[in-house]
N, C-alpha and C. Protein backbone atom coordinates (compact mmCIF):
# COMPACT_ATOMS: atom_id res chain seq x y z
N UNK A 1 29.58 -30.49 -33.59
CA UNK A 1 28.95 -30.83 -32.35
C UNK A 1 29.27 -29.80 -31.27
N UNK A 2 30.51 -29.32 -31.23
CA UNK A 2 30.90 -28.31 -30.26
C UNK A 2 30.13 -27.00 -30.47
N UNK A 3 29.93 -26.63 -31.69
CA UNK A 3 29.21 -25.39 -32.00
C UNK A 3 27.76 -25.49 -31.52
N UNK A 4 27.16 -26.66 -31.74
CA UNK A 4 25.79 -26.85 -31.31
C UNK A 4 25.68 -26.75 -29.78
N UNK A 5 26.62 -27.29 -29.06
CA UNK A 5 26.63 -27.21 -27.60
C UNK A 5 26.76 -25.78 -27.11
N UNK A 6 27.63 -25.00 -27.78
CA UNK A 6 27.78 -23.59 -27.42
C UNK A 6 26.50 -22.82 -27.71
N UNK A 7 25.87 -23.14 -28.83
CA UNK A 7 24.62 -22.47 -29.19
C UNK A 7 23.54 -22.76 -28.15
N UNK A 8 23.39 -24.04 -27.78
CA UNK A 8 22.40 -24.40 -26.77
C UNK A 8 22.71 -23.74 -25.42
N UNK A 9 23.96 -23.71 -25.06
CA UNK A 9 24.37 -23.09 -23.79
C UNK A 9 24.07 -21.60 -23.79
N UNK A 10 24.35 -20.92 -24.89
CA UNK A 10 24.07 -19.48 -24.99
C UNK A 10 22.58 -19.22 -24.96
N UNK A 11 21.82 -20.04 -25.67
CA UNK A 11 20.37 -19.88 -25.70
C UNK A 11 19.79 -20.10 -24.31
N UNK A 12 20.26 -21.11 -23.61
CA UNK A 12 19.76 -21.40 -22.26
C UNK A 12 20.07 -20.23 -21.32
N UNK A 13 21.26 -19.65 -21.43
CA UNK A 13 21.63 -18.51 -20.58
C UNK A 13 20.72 -17.32 -20.84
N UNK A 14 20.41 -17.03 -22.08
CA UNK A 14 19.54 -15.91 -22.43
C UNK A 14 18.14 -16.15 -21.88
N UNK A 15 17.62 -17.37 -22.01
CA UNK A 15 16.29 -17.70 -21.50
C UNK A 15 16.26 -17.55 -19.98
N UNK A 16 17.29 -18.01 -19.29
CA UNK A 16 17.33 -17.91 -17.84
C UNK A 16 17.39 -16.46 -17.38
N UNK A 17 18.18 -15.66 -18.04
CA UNK A 17 18.29 -14.24 -17.68
C UNK A 17 16.95 -13.56 -17.91
N UNK A 18 16.29 -13.85 -19.02
CA UNK A 18 14.99 -13.24 -19.31
C UNK A 18 13.95 -13.68 -18.29
N UNK A 19 14.00 -14.92 -17.86
CA UNK A 19 13.03 -15.43 -16.89
C UNK A 19 13.22 -14.81 -15.51
N UNK A 20 14.45 -14.44 -15.18
CA UNK A 20 14.73 -13.90 -13.86
C UNK A 20 14.41 -12.42 -13.73
N UNK A 21 14.38 -11.70 -14.82
CA UNK A 21 14.13 -10.27 -14.71
C UNK A 21 12.63 -10.02 -14.57
N UNK A 22 12.29 -9.10 -13.69
CA UNK A 22 10.88 -8.79 -13.47
C UNK A 22 10.46 -7.65 -14.38
N UNK A 23 9.18 -7.59 -14.72
CA UNK A 23 8.73 -6.50 -15.56
C UNK A 23 8.85 -5.18 -14.82
N UNK A 24 9.02 -4.10 -15.54
CA UNK A 24 9.12 -2.81 -14.85
C UNK A 24 7.80 -2.49 -14.16
N UNK A 25 7.86 -1.77 -13.02
CA UNK A 25 6.62 -1.43 -12.33
C UNK A 25 5.79 -0.49 -13.20
N UNK A 26 4.46 -0.52 -13.04
CA UNK A 26 3.63 0.38 -13.84
C UNK A 26 3.94 1.83 -13.51
N UNK A 27 3.75 2.71 -14.47
CA UNK A 27 4.04 4.12 -14.27
C UNK A 27 3.15 4.69 -13.16
N UNK A 28 1.90 4.25 -13.08
CA UNK A 28 1.01 4.70 -12.04
C UNK A 28 0.27 3.50 -11.48
N UNK A 29 0.12 3.46 -10.16
CA UNK A 29 -0.57 2.34 -9.52
C UNK A 29 -2.06 2.43 -9.79
N UNK A 30 -2.66 1.29 -10.03
CA UNK A 30 -4.11 1.24 -10.26
C UNK A 30 -4.83 1.43 -8.93
N UNK A 31 -5.83 2.30 -8.93
CA UNK A 31 -6.64 2.52 -7.74
C UNK A 31 -7.71 1.45 -7.69
N UNK A 32 -7.78 0.75 -6.58
CA UNK A 32 -8.77 -0.31 -6.40
C UNK A 32 -9.87 0.19 -5.47
N UNK A 33 -11.06 -0.39 -5.60
CA UNK A 33 -12.18 0.06 -4.77
C UNK A 33 -12.84 -1.05 -3.96
N UNK A 34 -12.34 -2.27 -4.06
CA UNK A 34 -12.89 -3.34 -3.22
C UNK A 34 -12.35 -3.16 -1.80
N UNK A 35 -13.25 -3.10 -0.84
CA UNK A 35 -12.83 -2.75 0.53
C UNK A 35 -12.36 -3.96 1.36
N UNK A 36 -12.57 -5.18 0.90
CA UNK A 36 -12.23 -6.37 1.70
C UNK A 36 -10.75 -6.41 2.11
N UNK A 37 -9.78 -6.19 1.19
CA UNK A 37 -8.38 -6.24 1.63
C UNK A 37 -8.04 -5.17 2.67
N UNK A 38 -8.65 -4.01 2.55
CA UNK A 38 -8.41 -2.93 3.52
C UNK A 38 -9.01 -3.32 4.87
N UNK A 39 -10.24 -3.84 4.86
CA UNK A 39 -10.90 -4.26 6.09
C UNK A 39 -10.10 -5.36 6.80
N UNK A 40 -9.48 -6.24 6.02
CA UNK A 40 -8.66 -7.32 6.60
C UNK A 40 -7.45 -6.76 7.34
N UNK A 41 -6.85 -5.71 6.81
CA UNK A 41 -5.68 -5.09 7.45
C UNK A 41 -6.07 -4.21 8.65
N UNK A 42 -7.30 -3.72 8.67
CA UNK A 42 -7.72 -2.75 9.69
C UNK A 42 -9.04 -3.16 10.35
N UNK A 43 -9.09 -4.30 11.04
CA UNK A 43 -10.36 -4.73 11.64
C UNK A 43 -10.86 -3.79 12.74
N UNK A 44 -9.94 -3.08 13.41
CA UNK A 44 -10.36 -2.25 14.52
C UNK A 44 -11.07 -0.97 14.12
N UNK A 45 -11.09 -0.61 12.85
CA UNK A 45 -11.80 0.62 12.45
C UNK A 45 -13.27 0.37 12.16
N UNK A 46 -13.70 -0.87 12.22
CA UNK A 46 -15.10 -1.17 11.96
C UNK A 46 -15.40 -1.29 10.48
N UNK A 47 -16.66 -1.18 10.17
CA UNK A 47 -17.10 -1.36 8.78
C UNK A 47 -16.58 -0.23 7.89
N UNK A 48 -16.02 -0.62 6.77
CA UNK A 48 -15.57 0.35 5.77
C UNK A 48 -16.69 0.49 4.75
N UNK A 49 -17.28 1.68 4.68
CA UNK A 49 -18.40 1.94 3.78
C UNK A 49 -17.94 1.98 2.33
N UNK A 50 -16.82 2.67 2.09
CA UNK A 50 -16.24 2.71 0.74
C UNK A 50 -14.74 2.92 0.87
N UNK A 51 -14.01 2.51 -0.15
CA UNK A 51 -12.55 2.62 -0.12
C UNK A 51 -12.00 2.84 -1.52
N UNK A 52 -10.95 3.63 -1.59
CA UNK A 52 -10.12 3.77 -2.78
C UNK A 52 -8.70 3.57 -2.29
N UNK A 53 -8.00 2.58 -2.86
CA UNK A 53 -6.70 2.24 -2.30
C UNK A 53 -5.71 1.76 -3.35
N UNK A 54 -4.45 1.84 -2.98
CA UNK A 54 -3.35 1.33 -3.82
C UNK A 54 -2.38 0.58 -2.92
N UNK A 55 -1.65 -0.32 -3.54
CA UNK A 55 -0.57 -1.02 -2.83
C UNK A 55 0.68 -0.84 -3.66
N UNK A 56 1.75 -0.44 -3.00
CA UNK A 56 3.01 -0.20 -3.71
C UNK A 56 4.15 -0.96 -3.06
N UNK A 57 5.08 -1.38 -3.89
CA UNK A 57 6.28 -2.06 -3.40
C UNK A 57 7.26 -1.00 -2.96
N UNK A 58 7.78 -1.14 -1.75
CA UNK A 58 8.70 -0.15 -1.19
C UNK A 58 10.14 -0.50 -1.55
N UNK A 59 10.96 0.51 -1.67
CA UNK A 59 12.38 0.31 -1.88
C UNK A 59 12.78 -0.06 -3.29
N UNK A 60 11.85 -0.08 -4.22
CA UNK A 60 12.19 -0.39 -5.61
C UNK A 60 12.84 0.84 -6.23
N UNK A 61 14.03 0.66 -6.71
CA UNK A 61 14.75 1.76 -7.33
C UNK A 61 14.37 1.81 -8.80
N UNK A 62 14.05 2.99 -9.26
CA UNK A 62 13.62 3.15 -10.64
C UNK A 62 14.73 2.71 -11.60
N UNK A 63 14.33 1.90 -12.57
CA UNK A 63 15.27 1.47 -13.60
C UNK A 63 16.11 0.27 -13.22
N UNK A 64 15.94 -0.27 -12.00
CA UNK A 64 16.72 -1.43 -11.58
C UNK A 64 15.79 -2.60 -11.35
N UNK A 65 16.26 -3.79 -11.68
CA UNK A 65 15.49 -5.00 -11.41
C UNK A 65 15.54 -5.30 -9.92
N UNK A 66 14.42 -5.73 -9.40
CA UNK A 66 14.35 -6.09 -7.99
C UNK A 66 14.96 -7.47 -7.78
N UNK A 67 15.57 -7.64 -6.65
CA UNK A 67 16.11 -8.96 -6.30
C UNK A 67 14.94 -9.87 -5.97
N UNK A 68 15.07 -11.15 -6.29
CA UNK A 68 13.97 -12.06 -5.96
C UNK A 68 13.83 -12.18 -4.44
N UNK A 69 12.62 -12.43 -4.02
CA UNK A 69 12.38 -12.60 -2.59
C UNK A 69 11.25 -11.71 -2.13
N UNK A 70 10.97 -11.71 -0.83
CA UNK A 70 9.85 -10.92 -0.32
C UNK A 70 10.10 -9.43 -0.47
N UNK A 71 9.03 -8.70 -0.65
CA UNK A 71 9.11 -7.25 -0.79
C UNK A 71 8.33 -6.60 0.33
N UNK A 72 8.76 -5.41 0.72
CA UNK A 72 7.99 -4.61 1.65
C UNK A 72 6.91 -3.90 0.85
N UNK A 73 5.67 -4.01 1.32
CA UNK A 73 4.54 -3.42 0.62
C UNK A 73 3.87 -2.40 1.51
N UNK A 74 3.39 -1.33 0.89
CA UNK A 74 2.61 -0.33 1.62
C UNK A 74 1.24 -0.22 1.00
N UNK A 75 0.22 -0.37 1.82
CA UNK A 75 -1.15 -0.18 1.39
C UNK A 75 -1.58 1.20 1.88
N UNK A 76 -2.15 2.00 0.99
CA UNK A 76 -2.65 3.33 1.33
C UNK A 76 -4.10 3.40 0.87
N UNK A 77 -5.00 3.74 1.79
CA UNK A 77 -6.42 3.72 1.47
C UNK A 77 -7.13 4.95 2.00
N UNK A 78 -7.87 5.60 1.12
CA UNK A 78 -8.77 6.67 1.52
C UNK A 78 -10.14 6.01 1.69
N UNK A 79 -10.69 6.06 2.90
CA UNK A 79 -11.91 5.31 3.18
C UNK A 79 -12.98 6.20 3.82
N UNK A 80 -14.20 5.73 3.70
CA UNK A 80 -15.32 6.32 4.42
C UNK A 80 -15.75 5.29 5.45
N UNK A 81 -15.82 5.72 6.71
CA UNK A 81 -16.22 4.85 7.82
C UNK A 81 -17.57 5.32 8.36
N UNK A 82 -18.13 4.57 9.25
CA UNK A 82 -19.29 5.03 10.00
C UNK A 82 -18.79 6.12 10.97
N UNK A 83 -19.61 7.12 11.20
CA UNK A 83 -19.20 8.25 12.05
C UNK A 83 -18.77 7.77 13.45
N UNK A 84 -19.47 6.77 14.00
CA UNK A 84 -19.11 6.27 15.33
C UNK A 84 -17.76 5.55 15.31
N UNK A 85 -17.34 5.05 14.15
CA UNK A 85 -16.05 4.35 14.05
C UNK A 85 -14.90 5.34 14.24
N UNK A 86 -15.02 6.53 13.68
CA UNK A 86 -13.97 7.54 13.85
C UNK A 86 -13.88 7.92 15.33
N UNK A 87 -15.01 8.12 15.98
CA UNK A 87 -15.01 8.46 17.40
C UNK A 87 -14.37 7.35 18.23
N UNK A 88 -14.61 6.09 17.86
CA UNK A 88 -14.02 4.96 18.58
C UNK A 88 -12.50 4.93 18.41
N UNK A 89 -12.03 5.17 17.20
CA UNK A 89 -10.57 5.21 16.96
C UNK A 89 -9.95 6.31 17.81
N UNK A 90 -10.58 7.48 17.84
CA UNK A 90 -10.05 8.59 18.63
C UNK A 90 -10.04 8.28 20.12
N UNK A 91 -11.05 7.54 20.59
CA UNK A 91 -11.13 7.20 22.02
C UNK A 91 -10.16 6.08 22.40
N UNK A 92 -9.93 5.12 21.48
CA UNK A 92 -9.16 3.93 21.81
C UNK A 92 -7.65 4.05 21.59
N UNK A 93 -7.21 5.00 20.77
CA UNK A 93 -5.79 5.09 20.41
C UNK A 93 -5.26 6.49 20.63
N UNK A 94 -3.97 6.56 20.88
CA UNK A 94 -3.31 7.85 21.05
C UNK A 94 -3.18 8.52 19.68
N UNK A 95 -3.76 9.68 19.54
CA UNK A 95 -3.76 10.39 18.26
C UNK A 95 -3.14 11.77 18.43
N UNK A 96 -2.50 12.23 17.38
CA UNK A 96 -1.90 13.56 17.39
C UNK A 96 -2.01 14.15 15.99
N UNK A 97 -1.84 15.43 15.88
CA UNK A 97 -1.92 16.09 14.58
C UNK A 97 -0.87 15.52 13.65
N UNK A 98 -1.23 15.28 12.42
CA UNK A 98 -0.29 14.74 11.43
C UNK A 98 -0.98 14.52 10.11
N UNK A 99 -0.23 14.70 9.05
CA UNK A 99 -0.79 14.51 7.70
C UNK A 99 -0.18 13.29 7.05
N UNK A 100 -0.99 12.52 6.33
CA UNK A 100 -0.47 11.32 5.67
C UNK A 100 0.31 11.64 4.40
N UNK A 101 1.22 10.73 4.06
CA UNK A 101 1.92 10.79 2.77
C UNK A 101 1.01 10.08 1.77
N UNK A 102 0.46 10.82 0.84
CA UNK A 102 -0.54 10.29 -0.08
C UNK A 102 0.12 9.94 -1.41
N UNK A 103 -0.06 8.70 -1.89
CA UNK A 103 0.48 8.32 -3.20
C UNK A 103 -0.14 9.18 -4.30
N UNK A 104 0.64 9.42 -5.31
CA UNK A 104 0.21 10.27 -6.43
C UNK A 104 -1.14 9.85 -7.01
N UNK A 105 -1.37 8.55 -7.13
CA UNK A 105 -2.60 8.07 -7.76
C UNK A 105 -3.85 8.31 -6.90
N UNK A 106 -3.69 8.65 -5.62
CA UNK A 106 -4.84 8.95 -4.77
C UNK A 106 -5.03 10.45 -4.53
N UNK A 107 -4.07 11.27 -4.94
CA UNK A 107 -4.12 12.70 -4.63
C UNK A 107 -5.36 13.40 -5.18
N UNK A 108 -5.86 12.98 -6.33
CA UNK A 108 -7.06 13.59 -6.89
C UNK A 108 -8.31 13.32 -6.06
N UNK A 109 -8.30 12.27 -5.26
CA UNK A 109 -9.44 11.92 -4.42
C UNK A 109 -9.31 12.49 -3.01
N UNK A 110 -8.12 12.95 -2.68
CA UNK A 110 -7.81 13.37 -1.32
C UNK A 110 -8.38 14.75 -1.03
N UNK A 111 -9.13 14.90 0.07
CA UNK A 111 -9.73 16.21 0.39
C UNK A 111 -8.67 17.21 0.84
N UNK A 112 -8.85 18.45 0.47
CA UNK A 112 -7.90 19.49 0.88
C UNK A 112 -8.49 20.28 2.05
N UNK A 113 -7.64 20.95 2.80
CA UNK A 113 -8.08 21.78 3.90
C UNK A 113 -8.63 21.01 5.09
N UNK A 114 -8.20 19.77 5.27
CA UNK A 114 -8.70 18.92 6.35
C UNK A 114 -7.61 18.81 7.42
N UNK A 115 -8.03 18.84 8.69
CA UNK A 115 -7.08 18.68 9.81
C UNK A 115 -7.09 17.22 10.24
N UNK A 116 -6.07 16.49 9.83
CA UNK A 116 -5.96 15.06 10.11
C UNK A 116 -5.33 14.82 11.48
N UNK A 117 -5.77 13.75 12.12
CA UNK A 117 -5.16 13.26 13.34
C UNK A 117 -4.56 11.89 13.04
N UNK A 118 -3.31 11.70 13.40
CA UNK A 118 -2.60 10.45 13.15
C UNK A 118 -2.71 9.56 14.39
N UNK A 119 -3.26 8.35 14.19
CA UNK A 119 -3.47 7.41 15.28
C UNK A 119 -2.70 6.12 15.00
N UNK A 120 -1.70 5.83 15.82
CA UNK A 120 -0.93 4.60 15.65
C UNK A 120 -1.77 3.43 16.14
N UNK A 121 -1.98 2.45 15.27
CA UNK A 121 -2.73 1.25 15.61
C UNK A 121 -1.74 0.18 16.05
N UNK A 122 -2.22 -0.83 16.78
CA UNK A 122 -1.31 -1.90 17.21
C UNK A 122 -0.60 -2.54 16.01
N UNK A 123 0.66 -2.86 16.20
CA UNK A 123 1.45 -3.49 15.15
C UNK A 123 1.11 -4.97 15.08
N UNK A 124 0.91 -5.46 13.87
CA UNK A 124 0.72 -6.89 13.64
C UNK A 124 1.99 -7.33 12.91
N UNK A 125 1.86 -7.94 11.77
CA UNK A 125 3.03 -8.17 10.91
C UNK A 125 3.28 -6.92 10.09
N UNK A 126 2.48 -5.89 10.35
CA UNK A 126 2.56 -4.62 9.62
C UNK A 126 2.51 -3.46 10.61
N UNK A 127 3.19 -2.38 10.23
CA UNK A 127 3.05 -1.12 10.95
C UNK A 127 1.82 -0.44 10.36
N UNK A 128 0.89 0.00 11.22
CA UNK A 128 -0.38 0.52 10.72
C UNK A 128 -0.72 1.84 11.38
N UNK A 129 -1.26 2.76 10.58
CA UNK A 129 -1.67 4.07 11.08
C UNK A 129 -3.01 4.43 10.47
N UNK A 130 -3.88 5.00 11.30
CA UNK A 130 -5.15 5.53 10.83
C UNK A 130 -5.10 7.05 10.98
N UNK A 131 -5.32 7.75 9.91
CA UNK A 131 -5.44 9.20 9.93
C UNK A 131 -6.94 9.49 9.86
N UNK A 132 -7.48 10.20 10.85
CA UNK A 132 -8.91 10.44 10.89
C UNK A 132 -9.17 11.94 11.04
N UNK A 133 -10.41 12.32 10.76
CA UNK A 133 -10.85 13.70 10.92
C UNK A 133 -11.97 13.68 11.96
N UNK A 134 -11.74 14.36 13.07
CA UNK A 134 -12.72 14.37 14.16
C UNK A 134 -14.06 14.89 13.65
N UNK A 135 -15.15 14.19 14.00
CA UNK A 135 -16.49 14.58 13.60
C UNK A 135 -16.82 14.27 12.15
N UNK A 136 -15.98 13.47 11.50
CA UNK A 136 -16.16 13.14 10.09
C UNK A 136 -16.21 11.63 9.92
N UNK A 137 -16.50 11.21 8.72
CA UNK A 137 -16.47 9.78 8.37
C UNK A 137 -15.23 9.43 7.57
N UNK A 138 -14.39 10.42 7.30
CA UNK A 138 -13.21 10.20 6.48
C UNK A 138 -12.05 9.64 7.27
N UNK A 139 -11.30 8.77 6.61
CA UNK A 139 -10.07 8.25 7.20
C UNK A 139 -9.10 7.91 6.08
N UNK A 140 -7.84 7.97 6.40
CA UNK A 140 -6.79 7.53 5.49
C UNK A 140 -5.99 6.49 6.25
N UNK A 141 -5.92 5.28 5.73
CA UNK A 141 -5.29 4.17 6.42
C UNK A 141 -4.03 3.75 5.68
N UNK A 142 -2.96 3.49 6.42
CA UNK A 142 -1.73 2.97 5.82
C UNK A 142 -1.23 1.78 6.61
N UNK A 143 -0.72 0.79 5.89
CA UNK A 143 -0.05 -0.34 6.53
C UNK A 143 1.18 -0.67 5.71
N UNK A 144 2.25 -0.99 6.40
CA UNK A 144 3.52 -1.32 5.76
C UNK A 144 4.02 -2.63 6.34
N UNK A 145 4.36 -3.59 5.47
CA UNK A 145 4.92 -4.85 5.97
C UNK A 145 6.25 -4.57 6.63
N UNK A 146 6.60 -5.41 7.59
CA UNK A 146 7.84 -5.21 8.33
C UNK A 146 8.76 -6.38 8.13
């Protein structure tokens, strides 16, 4: 009877440990193209014509299991806006020269030789920045939970 109790206890411990560990993060983030989640985070940029975006968990150390609980997430989106939307962002927010940190999975879509302007958007529950190109429809949007 004692052996059976030890066996059940050991089995239960293994099951609990397995249930608590999270799967390893994917090697590369999947690029999504539905614009609704991006539009929800960035209502002030107007209509998003098209979007390619990824969301990544911040602070995850490679090879280590994450502690349970809320995670800081960063959304990075390369978007096409209406031309008047870029002009409105430039008029409504303080912008300065700056280049975005582009996730590896979006680098193939990212235009080269472009002069980006970094525009800090009002903080909600997220820190948000719009990188725009004057006279263009291109924008790169980032939001990070706080």
